[in-house]
Protein backbone atom coordinates (compact mmCIF):
# COMPACT_ATOMS: atom_id res chain seq x y z
CA MET A 1 0.09 0.16 0.10
CA LYS A 2 2.93 2.51 0.64
CA GLU A 3 4.23 1.91 -2.84
CA TYR A 4 0.99 3.30 -4.44
CA ILE A 5 0.81 6.29 -2.28
CA SER A 6 4.36 6.93 -3.05
CA LEU A 7 3.09 6.81 -6.86
CA LEU A 8 0.23 8.89 -6.20
CA LYS A 9 2.20 11.69 -4.32
CA SER A 10 5.18 11.55 -7.17
CA HIS A 11 2.70 11.95 -10.24
CA PRO A 12 -0.01 14.87 -9.06
CA VAL A 13 -1.86 14.30 -12.74
CA LEU A 14 -2.40 10.57 -11.58
CA LEU A 15 -3.74 11.60 -7.73
CA ARG A 16 -5.92 14.30 -9.87
CA LEU A 17 -7.43 11.16 -12.29
CA SER A 18 -7.32 8.50 -10.00
CA THR A 19 -9.52 10.89 -7.61
CA ILE A 20 -11.71 11.25 -10.62
CA GLN A 21 -12.13 8.09 -10.94
CA LEU A 22 -13.17 7.00 -7.65
CA ILE A 23 -16.06 9.87 -7.30
CA SER A 24 -17.12 8.87 -11.25
CA TYR A 25 -16.87 5.06 -10.30
CA PHE A 26 -18.70 5.71 -7.36
CA GLY A 27 -21.40 7.53 -9.67
CA ALA A 28 -21.66 4.68 -11.56
CA TRP A 29 -22.57 1.94 -9.08
CA PHE A 30 -24.47 4.39 -6.93
CA SER A 31 -27.42 4.18 -9.84
CA ASN A 32 -26.70 0.26 -10.21
CA VAL A 33 -28.67 -0.86 -7.37
CA ALA A 34 -31.37 1.68 -7.67
CA ILE A 35 -32.01 0.69 -11.72
CA TYR A 36 -32.00 -3.10 -10.04
CA THR A 37 -34.58 -2.41 -7.69
CA LEU A 38 -36.49 -0.68 -9.80
CA LEU A 39 -36.94 -3.40 -12.36
CA LEU A 40 -37.44 -6.30 -9.59
CA GLU A 41 -40.16 -4.06 -8.28
CA MET A 42 -41.58 -3.74 -11.75
CA ASN A 43 -41.78 -7.56 -11.39
CA VAL A 44 -39.89 -7.73 -14.34
CA SER A 45 -38.87 -11.04 -15.88
CA ALA A 46 -35.68 -12.32 -15.62
CA GLN A 47 -34.83 -11.91 -19.39
CA ILE A 48 -35.42 -8.11 -18.51
CA VAL A 49 -33.28 -8.26 -15.98
CA ALA A 50 -30.36 -10.21 -17.49
CA PHE A 51 -30.88 -7.71 -20.82
CA VAL A 52 -30.27 -4.55 -18.54
CA ALA A 53 -26.89 -5.97 -16.97
CA MET A 54 -26.00 -6.61 -20.69
CA LEU A 55 -27.14 -3.21 -21.89
CA HIS A 56 -24.22 -2.15 -19.62
CA PHE A 57 -21.44 -3.78 -21.63
CA LEU A 58 -23.51 -3.88 -24.82
CA ALA A 59 -22.56 0.37 -25.53
CA GLY A 60 -18.61 -0.28 -25.29
CA VAL A 61 -18.65 -2.94 -27.62
CA ILE A 62 -20.53 -1.15 -30.12
CA GLN A 63 -18.28 2.07 -29.94
CA ALA A 64 -15.25 0.40 -29.62
CA PRO A 65 -14.20 0.53 -33.50
CA ILE A 66 -14.72 4.11 -33.34
CA SER A 67 -13.22 5.88 -30.18
CA GLY A 68 -10.16 4.19 -30.31
CA VAL A 69 -9.53 6.46 -33.87
CA ILE A 70 -11.31 8.96 -32.04
CA ILE A 71 -8.56 9.00 -29.19
CA ASP A 72 -5.87 8.56 -31.23
CA ARG A 73 -6.79 12.10 -32.73
CA MET A 74 -8.07 13.95 -30.14
CA SER A 75 -7.12 16.03 -26.86
CA PRO A 76 -8.01 13.06 -23.93
CA LYS A 77 -9.35 15.96 -21.71
CA LYS A 78 -11.66 17.79 -24.21
CA LEU A 79 -13.19 14.11 -24.98
CA MET A 80 -13.23 12.79 -21.29
CA LEU A 81 -15.28 16.36 -20.20
CA SER A 82 -17.81 15.52 -23.16
CA LEU A 83 -18.30 12.17 -21.60
CA ILE A 84 -18.96 13.14 -18.11
CA SER A 85 -21.64 15.61 -19.46
CA ILE A 86 -23.56 12.63 -20.82
CA GLU A 87 -23.25 10.67 -17.58
CA VAL A 88 -24.60 13.84 -16.23
CA ILE A 89 -27.73 13.86 -18.32
CA ALA A 90 -28.52 10.29 -18.94
CA THR A 91 -28.34 9.90 -15.24
CA PHE A 92 -30.47 12.36 -13.88
CA CYS A 93 -33.13 11.39 -16.38
CA LEU A 94 -33.46 8.05 -15.30
CA ILE A 95 -36.29 9.64 -12.88
CA PHE A 96 -38.60 10.22 -15.55
CA ILE A 97 -38.36 6.07 -15.21
CA THR A 98 -41.94 5.16 -13.27
CA GLU A 99 -43.43 1.58 -15.07
CA LEU A 100 -43.49 -0.90 -16.92
CA SER A 101 -44.00 1.15 -20.37
CA ASP A 102 -41.23 2.92 -19.86
CA LEU A 103 -38.55 0.20 -19.91
CA TRP A 104 -37.76 1.64 -23.77
CA LEU A 105 -36.58 5.19 -22.27
CA LEU A 106 -34.78 2.71 -19.74
CA TYR A 107 -32.76 1.12 -22.33
CA ILE A 108 -31.59 3.90 -24.24
CA LEU A 109 -30.79 5.93 -20.50
CA ILE A 110 -28.35 3.07 -19.89
CA PHE A 111 -27.07 2.69 -23.87
CA LEU A 112 -25.80 6.17 -23.42
CA LYS A 113 -24.55 6.32 -19.73
CA MET A 114 -22.08 3.44 -20.07
CA ALA A 115 -21.01 3.89 -23.49
CA ALA A 116 -20.01 7.45 -22.29
CA ALA A 117 -18.54 5.61 -18.90
CA SER A 118 -16.71 3.30 -21.35
CA PHE A 119 -15.93 5.47 -23.68
CA TYR A 120 -14.02 7.45 -21.19
CA PHE A 121 -12.52 4.24 -19.28
CA THR A 122 -10.59 3.55 -22.78
CA THR A 123 -9.48 7.26 -22.86
CA GLU A 124 -7.57 6.90 -19.18
CA MET A 125 -5.89 3.21 -20.11
CA SER A 126 -4.98 4.93 -22.65
CA LEU A 127 -3.77 7.84 -21.33
CA LEU A 128 -1.80 6.15 -18.74
CA PRO A 129 1.01 4.32 -20.64
CA LYS A 130 1.90 7.85 -22.03
CA ILE A 131 2.52 9.38 -18.55
CA LEU A 132 3.80 6.27 -17.19
CA ASP A 133 5.90 2.84 -17.79
CA GLY A 134 7.30 -0.49 -16.94
CA ASP A 135 6.40 -0.72 -12.57
CA LYS A 136 4.59 2.41 -12.19
CA LEU A 137 2.22 1.82 -15.38
CA GLN A 138 1.85 -1.86 -13.41
CA LYS A 139 0.95 -0.22 -9.97
CA ALA A 140 -1.10 2.79 -11.69
CA ASN A 141 -3.59 0.00 -12.99
CA GLU A 142 -3.81 -1.69 -9.56
CA ILE A 143 -4.51 1.43 -8.26
CA HIS A 144 -7.59 1.94 -10.82
CA SER A 145 -8.62 -1.58 -10.45
CA ILE A 146 -8.59 -0.71 -6.47
CA ILE A 147 -10.67 2.63 -7.07
CA TRP A 148 -12.71 0.63 -9.53
CA SER A 149 -13.38 -2.00 -5.97
CA LEU A 150 -13.59 0.95 -3.62
CA SER A 151 -15.88 2.79 -5.64
CA TYR A 152 -17.85 -0.18 -6.12
CA THR A 153 -18.00 -1.14 -2.39
CA LEU A 154 -19.30 1.99 -1.46
CA GLY A 155 -21.51 2.61 -4.27
CA MET A 156 -23.70 -0.79 -3.75
CA ALA A 157 -23.34 -0.06 -0.14
CA ILE A 158 -24.73 3.24 0.71
CA SER A 159 -26.86 3.08 -2.52
CA GLY A 160 -28.44 0.00 -0.96
CA PHE A 161 -29.33 1.80 2.48
CA VAL A 162 -29.89 5.29 0.50
CA VAL A 163 -32.76 3.47 -1.83
CA TYR A 164 -34.09 1.83 0.32
CA ALA A 165 -34.55 5.06 3.20
CA LEU A 166 -35.38 7.65 0.49
CA GLY A 167 -36.32 5.79 -2.87
CA VAL A 168 -34.97 5.00 -6.23
CA LYS A 169 -35.16 8.67 -7.82
CA VAL A 170 -33.44 10.56 -5.20
CA ALA A 171 -30.60 8.00 -5.40
CA PHE A 172 -30.50 9.06 -9.46
CA ILE A 173 -30.80 12.70 -8.02
CA LEU A 174 -27.47 12.13 -6.01
CA ASP A 175 -25.88 10.61 -8.41
CA ALA A 176 -25.97 12.77 -11.64
CA SER A 177 -24.78 15.68 -8.79
CA ILE A 178 -21.77 12.87 -8.10
CA PHE A 179 -20.79 13.21 -11.72
CA VAL A 180 -21.02 17.51 -12.01
CA VAL A 181 -18.38 17.58 -8.61
CA ALA A 182 -16.38 14.99 -11.26
CA PHE A 183 -16.49 16.76 -14.04
CA TYR A 184 -15.39 20.40 -12.04
CA LEU A 185 -12.53 18.32 -10.68
CA LEU A 186 -11.53 17.01 -14.21
CA PHE A 187 -12.04 20.69 -15.81
CA LYS A 188 -9.45 22.34 -13.61
CA LEU A 189 -6.87 19.78 -14.05
CA GLU A 190 -4.02 20.12 -16.64
CA ILE A 191 -3.04 17.26 -18.31
CA LEU A 192 0.24 17.65 -20.78
CA VAL A 193 0.47 14.96 -23.47
CA THR A 194 2.22 15.57 -26.39
CA MET A 195 -0.91 15.19 -29.54
CA HIS A 196 1.37 13.93 -32.39
CA PRO A 197 -0.07 14.96 -36.01
CA VAL A 198 -2.55 12.36 -37.45
CA LYS A 199 -2.43 13.02 -41.49
CA GLU A 200 -4.36 9.43 -41.58
CA LYS A 201 -8.08 9.46 -42.70
CA PHE A 202 -10.50 8.01 -40.46
CA LEU A 203 -11.48 4.85 -42.24
CA SER A 204 -7.48 4.17 -42.72
CA MET A 205 -6.76 3.91 -39.43
CA MET A 206 -9.33 1.98 -38.39
CA LEU A 207 -8.26 -0.44 -41.20
CA ASP A 208 -4.50 -0.37 -40.35
CA THR A 209 -5.39 -1.57 -36.32
CA PHE A 210 -6.48 -4.96 -37.97
CA SER A 211 -2.96 -5.21 -40.02
CA TYR A 212 -1.23 -4.11 -37.05
CA LEU A 213 -2.85 -7.03 -35.10
CA SER A 214 -2.62 -9.68 -37.57
CA GLN A 215 1.31 -8.89 -37.71
CA THR A 216 1.16 -8.78 -34.17
CA PRO A 217 -0.85 -11.89 -33.13
CA LYS A 218 0.27 -11.65 -29.33
CA ALA A 219 -1.36 -8.50 -28.59
CA LEU A 220 -4.78 -10.23 -30.39
CA TYR A 221 -3.93 -13.26 -28.01
CA LEU A 222 -3.55 -11.07 -25.03
CA ILE A 223 -7.03 -9.19 -26.24
CA ILE A 224 -8.49 -12.93 -26.02
CA VAL A 225 -6.83 -13.32 -22.33
CA HIS A 226 -8.02 -10.46 -20.99
CA ALA A 227 -11.93 -10.99 -22.61
CA PHE A 228 -12.28 -14.27 -20.08
CA VAL A 229 -11.84 -11.85 -17.23
CA GLY A 230 -15.62 -10.66 -18.54
CA LEU A 231 -16.86 -13.72 -17.00
CA THR A 232 -16.99 -11.89 -13.87
CA ALA A 233 -20.10 -9.65 -14.53
CA PHE A 234 -22.27 -11.38 -12.26
CA ASP A 235 -24.89 -8.29 -11.86
CA ALA A 236 -27.64 -10.76 -13.31
CA LEU A 237 -26.88 -13.51 -11.36
CA VAL A 238 -27.00 -11.60 -8.28
CA ALA A 239 -30.17 -9.93 -9.20
CA LEU A 240 -31.81 -13.06 -9.78
CA MET A 241 -30.23 -14.56 -6.28
CA VAL A 242 -31.73 -11.78 -4.83
CA ASP A 243 -35.05 -12.47 -6.08
CA GLN A 244 -35.24 -16.12 -6.10
CA TYR A 245 -33.46 -16.52 -2.46
CA TYR A 246 -33.33 -13.67 -0.07
CA ALA A 247 -36.81 -11.54 -0.88
CA SER A 248 -37.73 -12.90 2.52
CA VAL A 249 -35.31 -12.13 4.53
CA ILE A 250 -34.05 -9.11 3.50
CA ALA A 251 -35.33 -6.05 1.65
CA THR A 252 -34.17 -6.12 -2.02
CA SER A 253 -31.84 -2.94 -1.78
CA LEU A 254 -30.50 -3.82 1.04
CA ALA A 255 -29.58 -7.16 -0.07
CA LEU A 256 -27.76 -6.41 -3.61
CA GLY A 257 -25.97 -3.61 -1.52
CA LEU A 258 -24.43 -5.98 0.40
CA ILE A 259 -23.53 -9.05 -1.62
CA HIS A 260 -21.93 -6.86 -4.29
CA SER A 261 -20.35 -4.78 -1.56
CA ALA A 262 -19.02 -8.03 -0.10
CA ARG A 263 -17.63 -9.01 -3.12
CA ALA A 264 -15.79 -6.01 -3.93
CA LEU A 265 -13.91 -6.74 -0.42
CA GLY A 266 -12.32 -9.01 -2.38
CA LEU A 267 -11.96 -7.34 -4.95
CA VAL A 268 -10.13 -4.33 -2.62
CA ILE A 269 -8.27 -6.83 -0.62
CA GLY A 270 -6.60 -9.30 -3.83
CA PRO A 271 -4.24 -6.50 -4.98
CA ILE A 272 -2.86 -6.57 -1.25
CA ILE A 273 -2.73 -10.27 -1.10
CA PHE A 274 -1.17 -10.33 -5.09
CA GLY A 275 0.59 -7.58 -5.70
CA LYS A 276 3.67 -8.61 -5.55
CA TRP A 277 3.58 -12.22 -5.70
CA ILE A 278 2.26 -12.29 -9.51
CA THR A 279 3.96 -12.90 -12.33
CA ASN A 280 3.20 -14.06 -16.19
CA LYS A 281 3.84 -17.94 -15.17
CA ARG A 282 1.29 -17.32 -12.10
CA ILE A 283 -1.47 -15.58 -13.55
CA ILE A 284 -2.64 -19.27 -14.80
CA PHE A 285 -3.37 -20.00 -10.75
CA LEU A 286 -5.05 -16.80 -10.49
CA PHE A 287 -7.65 -18.29 -13.53
CA ILE A 288 -7.70 -21.24 -11.50
CA GLY A 289 -8.90 -19.88 -8.41
CA GLN A 290 -11.42 -17.23 -9.66
CA GLY A 291 -12.48 -21.10 -11.19
CA PHE A 292 -13.34 -23.02 -7.47
CA ALA A 293 -13.98 -19.60 -6.03
CA VAL A 294 -17.00 -19.40 -8.10
CA TRP A 295 -18.30 -23.12 -7.40
CA PHE A 296 -17.85 -22.26 -3.53
CA TRP A 297 -20.43 -19.08 -4.30
CA ALA A 298 -23.07 -21.99 -6.44
CA TYR A 299 -22.22 -24.37 -3.56
CA MET A 300 -23.14 -21.16 -0.24
CA MET A 301 -25.75 -19.42 -3.22
CA HIS A 302 -29.05 -21.29 -0.98
CA ASP A 303 -27.88 -18.89 2.34
CA PHE A 304 -27.76 -15.81 2.28
CA TYR A 305 -24.99 -15.03 5.15
CA LEU A 306 -22.95 -17.60 3.66
CA SER A 307 -23.38 -16.36 -0.02
CA LEU A 308 -21.65 -13.13 1.42
CA ILE A 309 -18.74 -15.03 2.80
CA ALA A 310 -18.39 -16.93 -0.29
CA SER A 311 -18.76 -13.54 -2.19
CA VAL A 312 -15.68 -11.91 -0.19
CA VAL A 313 -13.84 -15.11 -2.15
CA VAL A 314 -14.84 -14.95 -5.37
CA GLY A 315 -13.82 -11.08 -5.45
CA LEU A 316 -10.21 -12.02 -4.03
CA PHE A 317 -8.59 -12.66 -7.44
CA THR A 318 -10.62 -10.39 -9.98
CA THR A 319 -8.57 -7.41 -9.65
CA THR A 320 -5.59 -8.89 -9.75
CA LEU A 321 -6.33 -10.93 -13.28
CA TRP A 322 -7.88 -7.99 -14.36
CA SER A 323 -5.04 -5.33 -13.76
CA TYR A 324 -1.96 -7.94 -14.96
CA THR A 325 -3.88 -8.99 -18.21
CA TYR A 326 -4.37 -5.13 -19.20
CA THR A 327 -1.11 -4.26 -18.30
CA LEU A 328 -0.02 -7.12 -20.13
CA LEU A 329 -1.68 -6.05 -23.27
CA GLN A 330 0.06 -2.33 -22.76
CA LYS A 331 3.28 -3.50 -22.25
CA ASN A 332 3.44 -5.50 -25.37
CA ILE A 333 1.73 -3.06 -28.25
CA ASP A 334 3.29 0.04 -29.91
CA GLU A 335 2.22 3.77 -28.47
CA LYS A 336 1.24 4.29 -32.00
CA TYR A 337 -1.28 1.79 -31.29
CA TYR A 338 -2.39 2.71 -27.88
CA GLY A 339 -5.76 4.43 -28.20
CA ARG A 340 -7.05 2.03 -31.04
CA ILE A 341 -5.76 -1.39 -29.09
CA VAL A 342 -7.29 -0.87 -25.61
CA ALA A 343 -10.55 0.53 -27.14
CA TYR A 344 -10.55 -3.31 -29.12
CA ASN A 345 -9.48 -4.74 -25.86
CA ASP A 346 -12.41 -2.81 -24.32
CA MET A 347 -14.79 -4.14 -26.69
CA MET A 348 -13.83 -7.91 -26.24
CA PHE A 349 -13.93 -7.06 -22.27
CA LEU A 350 -17.20 -5.76 -22.76
CA GLY A 351 -18.26 -8.26 -25.65
CA SER A 352 -17.65 -11.16 -22.98
CA ALA A 353 -19.70 -9.41 -20.08
CA ALA A 354 -22.65 -8.56 -22.36
CA PHE A 355 -22.41 -12.46 -23.54
CA THR A 356 -22.64 -13.82 -20.11
CA SER A 357 -24.75 -11.63 -18.70
CA TYR A 358 -27.48 -12.86 -21.65
CA MET A 359 -26.30 -16.01 -20.72
CA ILE A 360 -27.31 -16.46 -17.51
CA GLY A 361 -30.90 -14.59 -18.40
CA PHE A 362 -31.26 -16.92 -21.50
CA LEU A 363 -30.18 -20.44 -18.71
CA ALA A 364 -32.22 -18.99 -16.40
CA THR A 365 -35.53 -19.05 -18.22
CA HIS A 366 -35.23 -22.25 -19.60
CA ASP A 367 -34.70 -24.20 -16.13
CA PHE A 368 -31.06 -23.81 -15.08
CA SER A 369 -30.58 -23.52 -11.36
CA LEU A 370 -28.62 -20.14 -10.52
CA GLU A 371 -26.27 -22.80 -8.96
CA TYR A 372 -25.47 -24.54 -12.12
CA ILE A 373 -25.58 -21.49 -14.27
CA ALA A 374 -22.49 -20.30 -11.32
CA VAL A 375 -20.66 -23.62 -11.65
CA ILE A 376 -20.60 -23.40 -15.71
CA MET A 377 -19.09 -19.72 -14.59
CA GLY A 378 -16.22 -21.59 -13.26
CA PHE A 379 -15.93 -23.58 -15.78
CA ALA A 380 -15.23 -20.91 -17.93
CA PHE A 381 -12.27 -19.68 -16.29
CA MET A 382 -10.51 -23.10 -15.61
CA VAL A 383 -10.50 -22.87 -19.82
CA GLY A 384 -9.56 -19.12 -19.42
CA GLY A 385 -6.19 -20.04 -17.38
CA VAL A 386 -5.63 -23.55 -20.13
CA TYR A 387 -5.74 -20.58 -22.68
CA TYR A 388 -3.02 -18.86 -21.21
CA ALA A 389 -1.08 -21.37 -20.96
CA TRP A 390 -1.07 -22.22 -24.59
CA VAL A 391 -0.59 -18.28 -24.98
CA LEU A 392 2.94 -18.62 -22.75
CA LYS A 393 4.27 -21.13 -24.49
CA LYS A 394 3.29 -19.64 -28.07
CA GLU A 395 4.45 -16.09 -27.25
CA LYS A 396 7.55 -14.66 -25.83
CA LEU A 397 5.90 -11.69 -23.21
CA GLU A 398 7.35 -9.10 -21.67
CA GLU A 399 7.63 -9.59 -18.03
CA ILE A 400 6.11 -5.72 -16.47
CA SER A 401 8.44 -5.28 -13.10
């Protein structure tokens, strides 16, 4: 933890960006509990719950081919300010969702909100390698993951109590206000990054990316490795668990908040445990550990209090898996392609998360138990470990440190 604090103190821009991350990610998860509580109060089907979860990721998939080119051509600060503005408007407009006939508006707003959030994330992750390198870049990615996890924990937990006490509309209004604070902090930040003149046309840059991937197969392999981490998109599964098993035990909003918070506790602790231990070869053990953790969760799923313990275990491996595989990709691509390759990486990751959310709903409506669905997801992480082992044998990957 001292290394993270030291890095933040020595890089004021990273410190301010991390503060903005904390605020904006808190806002993203703060409204999530309200959205799922609203859906469950409307008594929507499992398919609709899964579709909404899928929408949270689908927007990033669709825009990725364009967003990467824009990132490589546009000032990062101007772009990020525009994206936060969209998040403010889309979040505030959620207050107009009151009944089933408004679901179409909910879908549009979630799509816009998450498209902006995904675009912002990709822009920032393309910016970090331009201001940091080597071990510092890895630590910055770990800080990013810890902030995401901490925001997830606080956002879900506090939102659960706010929604329970004040209702979903108040939660949406507070959330929009949080994004306004993030906008102000970013507006005051000076980001000094050299923008190289781009003479290539928009379409040419898109096509050039595919050419680069074909000539640099390890970049494509690492994108696929990182996509396996997208299988941790458990939001739909948690919502269905609450509806099916815990509704008679605890209020919906509180159950959602506590389960997500328990998992996020594991997400925060994980990097502290594995941060110094992890290497290229040891990533395989994290994939296997993640698979066993999900199986353990499936076994404990019926009991709300035991599922909280299992949720912590599920979160332990995820943050390190995410940050290390992301840094590996950044380390093994050319700077010229940062924006575009990171965008395609996020597209694959979000596509994996969207597919996971869809399949949870599909299997749940076709008489698969939630426990069996979790077992399938755990097996998928084992497959991810086997695939990564194959990549290690086939390609020479630079160690991050």
